[in-house]
Amino acid sequence: MTYPESLDHMLAAWNESDPHKVRAHLDRALAEDVQFIDPSTTTNGIDEFEANVHEVQANLPHAAYSRSSGVDSHNNLHRYHWQITRDGEILLPGFDVTEVNDEGKVIRVLGFFGSLPLTD
């Protein structure tokens, strides 16, 4: 199964260096009532999501955001690993489960930081 283009547009927003163009990426990717939950924040709606993107970019200048795995998809759910890097160094690895609506717009992102713990 292929994943929706909205996931690429959402990723592009995190990598957009022009703050005035971030919203254009998000408008292509997100539903108006999108929910974003990770260990550092919970946002509701596209405006709060955009504010979070700008805040993270300000806190991690010159960082690059990328998927570090393929995308596994079923029933409008998509899971994938990602990482934030700068100058070749991984600053933060993570994992997302993203849900889209029937039009392919992102309605929920559940993010996790770091790697999964090993079993005992």
Protein backbone atom coordinates (compact mmCIF):
# COMPACT_ATOMS: atom_id res chain seq x y z
CA MET A 1 0.00 0.00 0.00
CA THR A 2 1.29 3.45 -0.79
CA TYR A 3 1.08 6.29 1.67
CA PRO A 4 -0.63 9.65 1.01
CA GLU A 5 1.32 12.67 -0.28
CA SER A 6 0.22 14.53 2.84
CA LEU A 7 2.99 12.77 4.78
CA ASP A 8 5.59 14.24 2.42
CA HIS A 9 4.05 17.70 2.70
CA MET A 10 4.00 17.47 6.50
CA LEU A 11 7.70 16.54 6.48
CA ALA A 12 8.45 19.38 4.07
CA ALA A 13 6.98 21.86 6.56
CA TRP A 14 9.53 20.80 9.19
CA ASN A 15 12.33 21.34 6.66
CA GLU A 16 11.07 24.63 5.23
CA SER A 17 13.64 27.36 5.86
CA ASP A 18 11.28 30.19 4.90
CA PRO A 19 8.87 30.62 7.83
CA HIS A 20 6.28 32.20 5.49
CA LYS A 21 6.10 28.97 3.43
CA VAL A 22 5.57 26.53 6.30
CA ARG A 23 1.81 27.11 6.31
CA ALA A 24 1.49 26.30 2.59
CA HIS A 25 2.99 22.84 3.24
CA LEU A 26 0.72 22.32 6.24
CA ASP A 27 -2.40 23.38 4.34
CA ARG A 28 -1.64 20.63 1.81
CA ALA A 29 -0.98 18.06 4.53
CA LEU A 30 -3.26 18.63 7.49
CA ALA A 31 -6.94 18.68 8.31
CA GLU A 32 -8.01 21.88 10.11
CA ASP A 33 -8.64 19.97 13.37
CA VAL A 34 -5.40 17.95 13.30
CA GLN A 35 -4.15 16.68 16.64
CA PHE A 36 -0.42 16.29 17.34
CA ILE A 37 0.76 14.47 20.46
CA ASP A 38 4.35 13.71 21.40
CA PRO A 39 6.31 13.66 24.68
CA SER A 40 6.99 17.41 24.53
CA THR A 41 3.63 18.86 23.44
CA THR A 42 0.02 18.36 22.47
CA THR A 43 -1.45 20.61 19.80
CA ASN A 44 -4.98 20.87 18.49
CA GLY A 45 -5.65 22.43 15.11
CA ILE A 46 -3.47 23.54 12.26
CA ASP A 47 -2.57 26.89 13.86
CA GLU A 48 -1.12 25.24 16.98
CA PHE A 49 0.66 22.66 14.82
CA GLU A 50 2.26 25.45 12.78
CA ALA A 51 3.32 27.29 15.95
CA ASN A 52 4.98 24.10 17.17
CA VAL A 53 6.90 23.72 13.91
CA HIS A 54 8.23 27.28 14.23
CA GLU A 55 9.15 26.75 17.88
CA VAL A 56 11.02 23.50 17.22
CA GLN A 57 12.84 25.06 14.25
CA ALA A 58 13.89 28.01 16.45
CA ASN A 59 15.15 25.64 19.15
CA LEU A 60 17.04 23.45 16.66
CA PRO A 61 18.41 25.81 14.00
CA HIS A 62 19.77 24.24 10.81
CA ALA A 63 18.39 20.81 11.73
CA ALA A 64 17.10 18.42 9.06
CA TYR A 65 14.02 16.25 9.53
CA SER A 66 13.69 12.97 7.64
CA ARG A 67 12.00 9.60 7.66
CA SER A 68 14.54 6.92 8.52
CA SER A 69 12.40 3.97 7.46
CA GLY A 70 9.76 3.04 4.98
CA VAL A 71 6.09 3.67 5.72
CA ASP A 72 3.87 0.81 6.84
CA SER A 73 0.19 1.54 6.14
CA HIS A 74 -3.27 0.12 6.74
CA ASN A 75 -6.75 1.51 7.38
CA ASN A 76 -5.67 5.17 7.04
CA LEU A 77 -2.89 4.59 9.61
CA HIS A 78 0.79 5.03 8.76
CA ARG A 79 3.81 4.23 10.91
CA TYR A 80 7.42 5.17 10.27
CA HIS A 81 10.67 6.06 11.99
CA TRP A 82 12.10 9.56 11.68
CA GLN A 83 15.15 11.44 12.82
CA ILE A 84 16.32 14.98 13.36
CA THR A 85 19.93 15.56 12.35
CA ARG A 86 22.37 18.44 12.20
CA ASP A 87 25.84 18.32 10.66
CA GLY A 88 25.55 14.55 10.25
CA GLU A 89 24.76 13.97 13.93
CA ILE A 90 21.44 12.44 14.98
CA LEU A 91 19.90 14.81 17.51
CA LEU A 92 16.73 12.83 18.05
CA PRO A 93 15.36 9.60 16.59
CA GLY A 94 11.68 8.79 16.86
CA PHE A 95 8.63 6.96 15.63
CA ASP A 96 5.23 8.27 14.50
CA VAL A 97 1.84 6.75 13.93
CA THR A 98 -0.13 9.09 11.69
CA GLU A 99 -3.82 8.85 10.88
CA VAL A 100 -5.36 10.42 7.80
CA ASN A 101 -8.96 10.99 6.80
CA ASP A 102 -10.49 9.53 3.64
CA GLU A 103 -9.24 12.55 1.65
CA GLY A 104 -5.67 11.78 2.75
CA LYS A 105 -5.28 14.75 5.11
CA VAL A 106 -3.52 14.12 8.41
CA ILE A 107 -5.93 14.16 11.35
CA ARG A 108 -3.67 12.79 14.13
CA VAL A 109 0.03 12.32 14.76
CA LEU A 110 1.19 10.23 17.72
CA GLY A 111 4.92 10.73 18.15
CA PHE A 112 7.46 8.89 20.27
CA PHE A 113 11.05 9.92 20.99
CA GLY A 114 14.00 7.53 20.99
CA SER A 115 14.22 3.85 20.23
CA LEU A 116 11.95 1.17 21.62
CA PRO A 117 13.35 -0.44 24.75
CA LEU A 118 14.76 -3.94 24.43
CA THR A 119 12.97 -6.79 26.16
CA ASP A 120 14.55 -8.43 29.21
